Amino acid sequence: MSPIYERIEELCKNKGINITVLCSECKIPRASLSDFKMGRKKTLSAETLSKISDYFGVTVDYLYGKTSSAFDEQSLKVALFGGDGEVTDEMWNEVKRYAQYIKERKNGNN
């Protein structure tokens, strides 16, 4: 199975949906992903990959496995800080520490 398809399945699982729901909501033919999964189709179109990445809020590079992070760090910085000036490493690390704290608190580790 294609690593791209595996990433798409993982994203679906994390969102609590299946591939059929994804295809329906993105208006992608289900056969397109079935053929891709079974190897009858070697690639997905740029339009299909774009729809999937937009739906999950991830980059196409993430779907391709070119990045281990599902999100473009620069885009996250702009979203969190509103694009107002430079985001220093110290500021960014503080955001990540806070996110980790919230995650631990949710999991009962705090």
N, C-alpha and C. Protein backbone atom coordinates (compact mmCIF):
# COMPACT_ATOMS: atom_id res chain seq x y z
N MET A 1 0.84 -1.18 0.00
CA MET A 1 0.00 0.00 0.00
C MET A 1 0.89 1.25 0.00
N SER A 2 0.44 2.26 -0.66
CA SER A 2 1.17 3.51 -0.79
C SER A 2 1.29 4.24 0.56
N PRO A 3 2.46 4.80 0.84
CA PRO A 3 2.60 5.61 2.06
C PRO A 3 1.62 6.79 2.08
N ILE A 4 1.30 7.33 0.90
CA ILE A 4 0.34 8.43 0.84
C ILE A 4 -1.03 7.94 1.31
N TYR A 5 -1.44 6.79 0.82
CA TYR A 5 -2.73 6.23 1.22
C TYR A 5 -2.74 5.94 2.73
N GLU A 6 -1.64 5.44 3.24
CA GLU A 6 -1.56 5.15 4.68
C GLU A 6 -1.72 6.43 5.49
N ARG A 7 -1.12 7.52 5.03
CA ARG A 7 -1.28 8.80 5.74
C ARG A 7 -2.73 9.26 5.70
N ILE A 8 -3.36 9.09 4.55
CA ILE A 8 -4.76 9.50 4.41
C ILE A 8 -5.63 8.66 5.35
N GLU A 9 -5.39 7.36 5.40
CA GLU A 9 -6.14 6.50 6.33
C GLU A 9 -5.93 6.92 7.78
N GLU A 10 -4.68 7.25 8.13
CA GLU A 10 -4.37 7.68 9.50
C GLU A 10 -5.11 8.98 9.83
N LEU A 11 -5.13 9.91 8.90
CA LEU A 11 -5.84 11.17 9.12
C LEU A 11 -7.34 10.92 9.29
N CYS A 12 -7.88 10.02 8.49
CA CYS A 12 -9.30 9.67 8.63
C CYS A 12 -9.57 9.07 10.00
N LYS A 13 -8.72 8.16 10.41
CA LYS A 13 -8.89 7.50 11.71
C LYS A 13 -8.86 8.54 12.83
N ASN A 14 -7.90 9.46 12.76
CA ASN A 14 -7.79 10.50 13.79
C ASN A 14 -9.01 11.40 13.83
N LYS A 15 -9.65 11.58 12.69
CA LYS A 15 -10.84 12.44 12.61
C LYS A 15 -12.12 11.65 12.91
N GLY A 16 -12.00 10.32 12.99
CA GLY A 16 -13.16 9.48 13.29
C GLY A 16 -14.08 9.26 12.09
N ILE A 17 -13.48 9.27 10.90
CA ILE A 17 -14.25 9.03 9.69
C ILE A 17 -13.59 7.90 8.90
N ASN A 18 -14.24 7.47 7.82
CA ASN A 18 -13.61 6.49 6.94
C ASN A 18 -13.36 7.13 5.57
N ILE A 19 -12.73 6.39 4.70
CA ILE A 19 -12.37 6.90 3.38
C ILE A 19 -13.62 7.29 2.59
N THR A 20 -14.68 6.54 2.73
CA THR A 20 -15.92 6.84 2.01
C THR A 20 -16.46 8.21 2.40
N VAL A 21 -16.45 8.51 3.68
CA VAL A 21 -16.91 9.82 4.16
C VAL A 21 -16.00 10.92 3.61
N LEU A 22 -14.69 10.69 3.67
CA LEU A 22 -13.74 11.67 3.12
C LEU A 22 -14.07 11.97 1.66
N CYS A 23 -14.23 10.92 0.87
CA CYS A 23 -14.51 11.11 -0.55
C CYS A 23 -15.81 11.86 -0.77
N SER A 24 -16.82 11.53 0.00
CA SER A 24 -18.11 12.20 -0.12
C SER A 24 -17.99 13.69 0.20
N GLU A 25 -17.33 13.99 1.31
CA GLU A 25 -17.22 15.38 1.74
C GLU A 25 -16.30 16.21 0.85
N CYS A 26 -15.33 15.56 0.23
CA CYS A 26 -14.39 16.27 -0.65
C CYS A 26 -14.81 16.20 -2.12
N LYS A 27 -15.89 15.48 -2.38
CA LYS A 27 -16.37 15.29 -3.76
C LYS A 27 -15.27 14.67 -4.64
N ILE A 28 -14.69 13.59 -4.09
CA ILE A 28 -13.68 12.81 -4.79
C ILE A 28 -14.30 11.46 -5.10
N PRO A 29 -14.16 10.95 -6.32
CA PRO A 29 -14.70 9.62 -6.61
C PRO A 29 -14.05 8.56 -5.71
N ARG A 30 -14.87 7.76 -5.05
CA ARG A 30 -14.36 6.71 -4.15
C ARG A 30 -13.47 5.75 -4.91
N ALA A 31 -13.81 5.48 -6.16
CA ALA A 31 -13.01 4.55 -6.98
C ALA A 31 -11.59 5.05 -7.16
N SER A 32 -11.41 6.35 -7.18
CA SER A 32 -10.07 6.93 -7.35
C SER A 32 -9.15 6.49 -6.22
N LEU A 33 -9.64 6.57 -4.98
CA LEU A 33 -8.81 6.15 -3.84
C LEU A 33 -8.73 4.63 -3.74
N SER A 34 -9.78 3.92 -4.11
CA SER A 34 -9.73 2.45 -4.11
C SER A 34 -8.68 1.95 -5.10
N ASP A 35 -8.69 2.52 -6.30
CA ASP A 35 -7.71 2.13 -7.31
C ASP A 35 -6.30 2.47 -6.86
N PHE A 36 -6.14 3.60 -6.19
CA PHE A 36 -4.83 3.99 -5.68
C PHE A 36 -4.35 3.02 -4.60
N LYS A 37 -5.25 2.66 -3.71
CA LYS A 37 -4.91 1.73 -2.64
C LYS A 37 -4.48 0.37 -3.20
N MET A 38 -5.19 -0.10 -4.21
CA MET A 38 -4.93 -1.43 -4.77
C MET A 38 -3.77 -1.43 -5.78
N GLY A 39 -3.24 -0.26 -6.09
CA GLY A 39 -2.11 -0.19 -7.02
C GLY A 39 -2.52 -0.14 -8.48
N ARG A 40 -3.82 -0.09 -8.74
CA ARG A 40 -4.28 0.02 -10.13
C ARG A 40 -4.07 1.43 -10.67
N LYS A 41 -3.88 2.35 -9.75
CA LYS A 41 -3.59 3.74 -10.09
C LYS A 41 -2.32 4.11 -9.32
N LYS A 42 -1.34 4.68 -10.00
CA LYS A 42 -0.04 4.94 -9.38
C LYS A 42 0.05 6.27 -8.65
N THR A 43 -0.79 7.22 -9.02
CA THR A 43 -0.74 8.54 -8.39
C THR A 43 -2.15 9.08 -8.20
N LEU A 44 -2.24 10.10 -7.37
CA LEU A 44 -3.47 10.87 -7.25
C LEU A 44 -3.24 12.22 -7.91
N SER A 45 -4.26 12.78 -8.47
CA SER A 45 -4.11 14.07 -9.14
C SER A 45 -3.78 15.17 -8.13
N ALA A 46 -3.19 16.22 -8.63
CA ALA A 46 -2.88 17.37 -7.77
C ALA A 46 -4.17 17.93 -7.16
N GLU A 47 -5.24 17.93 -7.94
CA GLU A 47 -6.53 18.43 -7.44
C GLU A 47 -7.03 17.57 -6.28
N THR A 48 -6.93 16.25 -6.42
CA THR A 48 -7.37 15.35 -5.35
C THR A 48 -6.53 15.53 -4.10
N LEU A 49 -5.22 15.58 -4.27
CA LEU A 49 -4.33 15.78 -3.11
C LEU A 49 -4.60 17.12 -2.44
N SER A 50 -4.87 18.14 -3.24
CA SER A 50 -5.17 19.46 -2.69
C SER A 50 -6.46 19.43 -1.88
N LYS A 51 -7.49 18.77 -2.40
CA LYS A 51 -8.76 18.66 -1.68
C LYS A 51 -8.57 17.94 -0.35
N ILE A 52 -7.80 16.86 -0.38
CA ILE A 52 -7.58 16.07 0.84
C ILE A 52 -6.77 16.88 1.85
N SER A 53 -5.71 17.54 1.40
CA SER A 53 -4.89 18.32 2.33
C SER A 53 -5.69 19.48 2.92
N ASP A 54 -6.52 20.14 2.09
CA ASP A 54 -7.36 21.22 2.60
C ASP A 54 -8.37 20.70 3.62
N TYR A 55 -8.96 19.56 3.34
CA TYR A 55 -9.96 18.98 4.23
C TYR A 55 -9.38 18.72 5.62
N PHE A 56 -8.18 18.16 5.66
CA PHE A 56 -7.57 17.83 6.94
C PHE A 56 -6.74 18.98 7.51
N GLY A 57 -6.49 20.01 6.72
CA GLY A 57 -5.68 21.13 7.20
C GLY A 57 -4.22 20.77 7.31
N VAL A 58 -3.75 19.94 6.39
CA VAL A 58 -2.34 19.54 6.37
C VAL A 58 -1.74 19.96 5.04
N THR A 59 -0.44 19.87 4.95
CA THR A 59 0.22 20.20 3.70
C THR A 59 0.26 18.98 2.78
N VAL A 60 0.35 19.24 1.49
CA VAL A 60 0.51 18.15 0.53
C VAL A 60 1.83 17.44 0.78
N ASP A 61 2.86 18.20 1.17
CA ASP A 61 4.15 17.58 1.51
C ASP A 61 4.00 16.56 2.63
N TYR A 62 3.11 16.82 3.58
CA TYR A 62 2.87 15.84 4.65
C TYR A 62 2.27 14.56 4.06
N LEU A 63 1.31 14.71 3.15
CA LEU A 63 0.72 13.52 2.52
C LEU A 63 1.77 12.72 1.77
N TYR A 64 2.70 13.41 1.13
CA TYR A 64 3.77 12.75 0.39
C TYR A 64 4.84 12.15 1.31
N GLY A 65 4.81 12.52 2.59
CA GLY A 65 5.82 12.02 3.52
C GLY A 65 7.11 12.82 3.49
N LYS A 66 7.06 14.00 2.87
CA LYS A 66 8.25 14.84 2.80
C LYS A 66 8.52 15.57 4.12
N THR A 67 7.48 15.70 4.94
CA THR A 67 7.63 16.31 6.25
C THR A 67 6.98 15.40 7.28
N SER A 68 7.51 15.40 8.48
CA SER A 68 6.92 14.57 9.52
C SER A 68 5.82 15.31 10.25
N SER A 69 5.77 16.62 10.07
CA SER A 69 4.74 17.42 10.69
C SER A 69 3.61 17.63 9.71
N ALA A 70 2.40 17.46 10.19
CA ALA A 70 1.24 17.61 9.32
C ALA A 70 0.98 19.08 8.97
N PHE A 71 1.58 19.97 9.72
CA PHE A 71 1.28 21.37 9.56
C PHE A 71 2.53 22.16 9.23
N ASP A 72 2.36 23.15 8.41
CA ASP A 72 3.43 24.07 8.07
C ASP A 72 3.66 24.99 9.26
N GLU A 73 4.84 24.92 9.86
CA GLU A 73 5.13 25.67 11.07
C GLU A 73 4.95 27.17 10.87
N GLN A 74 5.34 27.69 9.73
CA GLN A 74 5.20 29.12 9.47
C GLN A 74 3.72 29.53 9.45
N SER A 75 2.89 28.70 8.86
CA SER A 75 1.45 28.99 8.83
C SER A 75 0.86 28.98 10.23
N LEU A 76 1.32 28.05 11.06
CA LEU A 76 0.85 28.01 12.45
C LEU A 76 1.25 29.28 13.20
N LYS A 77 2.47 29.73 12.98
CA LYS A 77 2.92 30.95 13.64
C LYS A 77 2.06 32.13 13.24
N VAL A 78 1.76 32.25 11.96
CA VAL A 78 0.93 33.36 11.48
C VAL A 78 -0.46 33.24 12.09
N ALA A 79 -1.01 32.03 12.13
CA ALA A 79 -2.35 31.83 12.69
C ALA A 79 -2.39 32.17 14.18
N LEU A 80 -1.38 31.77 14.91
CA LEU A 80 -1.36 32.00 16.36
C LEU A 80 -1.05 33.44 16.73
N PHE A 81 -0.15 34.06 15.97
CA PHE A 81 0.30 35.40 16.33
C PHE A 81 -0.25 36.48 15.40
N GLY A 82 -1.09 36.09 14.47
CA GLY A 82 -1.73 37.06 13.60
C GLY A 82 -0.81 37.74 12.61
N GLY A 83 0.36 37.21 12.41
CA GLY A 83 1.28 37.79 11.44
C GLY A 83 1.87 39.11 11.89
N ASP A 84 1.73 39.42 13.17
CA ASP A 84 2.24 40.69 13.69
C ASP A 84 3.71 40.58 14.08
N GLY A 85 4.57 40.89 13.17
CA GLY A 85 6.00 40.91 13.47
C GLY A 85 6.61 39.52 13.55
N GLU A 86 7.85 39.52 13.99
CA GLU A 86 8.62 38.29 14.06
C GLU A 86 8.24 37.47 15.29
N VAL A 87 8.14 36.18 15.09
CA VAL A 87 7.91 35.25 16.19
C VAL A 87 9.27 34.67 16.54
N THR A 88 9.74 34.99 17.72
CA THR A 88 11.07 34.52 18.13
C THR A 88 11.02 33.04 18.50
N ASP A 89 12.18 32.42 18.53
CA ASP A 89 12.26 31.02 18.96
C ASP A 89 11.73 30.87 20.38
N GLU A 90 12.03 31.84 21.23
CA GLU A 90 11.56 31.80 22.61
C GLU A 90 10.03 31.81 22.67
N MET A 91 9.40 32.67 21.87
CA MET A 91 7.95 32.72 21.84
C MET A 91 7.37 31.40 21.33
N TRP A 92 7.94 30.87 20.27
CA TRP A 92 7.45 29.64 19.67
C TRP A 92 7.62 28.47 20.63
N ASN A 93 8.75 28.39 21.32
CA ASN A 93 8.99 27.32 22.29
C ASN A 93 8.01 27.40 23.46
N GLU A 94 7.65 28.63 23.85
CA GLU A 94 6.68 28.79 24.93
C GLU A 94 5.31 28.27 24.50
N VAL A 95 4.92 28.53 23.27
CA VAL A 95 3.65 28.01 22.75
C VAL A 95 3.67 26.49 22.76
N LYS A 96 4.78 25.89 22.32
CA LYS A 96 4.88 24.42 22.29
C LYS A 96 4.84 23.84 23.70
N ARG A 97 5.50 24.52 24.66
CA ARG A 97 5.47 24.04 26.05
C ARG A 97 4.04 24.09 26.60
N TYR A 98 3.34 25.16 26.30
CA TYR A 98 1.96 25.29 26.77
C TYR A 98 1.06 24.22 26.14
N ALA A 99 1.25 23.97 24.86
CA ALA A 99 0.48 22.93 24.19
C ALA A 99 0.75 21.57 24.83
N GLN A 100 2.00 21.30 25.16
CA GLN A 100 2.35 20.04 25.82
C GLN A 100 1.70 19.95 27.20
N TYR A 101 1.68 21.06 27.93
CA TYR A 101 1.05 21.11 29.24
C TYR A 101 -0.44 20.78 29.12
N ILE A 102 -1.12 21.37 28.14
CA ILE A 102 -2.55 21.12 27.94
C ILE A 102 -2.77 19.65 27.59
N LYS A 103 -1.93 19.10 26.76
CA LYS A 103 -2.04 17.69 26.36
C LYS A 103 -1.88 16.78 27.58
N GLU A 104 -0.88 17.06 28.40
CA GLU A 104 -0.65 16.26 29.61
C GLU A 104 -1.79 16.39 30.59
N ARG A 105 -2.31 17.60 30.75
CA ARG A 105 -3.43 17.82 31.66
C ARG A 105 -4.65 17.04 31.19
N LYS A 106 -4.90 17.03 29.88
CA LYS A 106 -6.03 16.30 29.32
C LYS A 106 -5.87 14.79 29.57
N ASN A 107 -4.65 14.30 29.49
CA ASN A 107 -4.39 12.88 29.68
C ASN A 107 -4.24 12.50 31.15
N GLY A 108 -4.41 13.47 32.04
CA GLY A 108 -4.36 13.20 33.47
C GLY A 108 -2.96 13.04 34.02
N ASN A 109 -1.97 13.56 33.31
CA ASN A 109 -0.58 13.46 33.78
C ASN A 109 -0.18 14.65 34.63
N ASN A 110 -1.10 15.49 34.97
CA ASN A 110 -0.75 16.68 35.73
C ASN A 110 -1.69 16.90 36.87
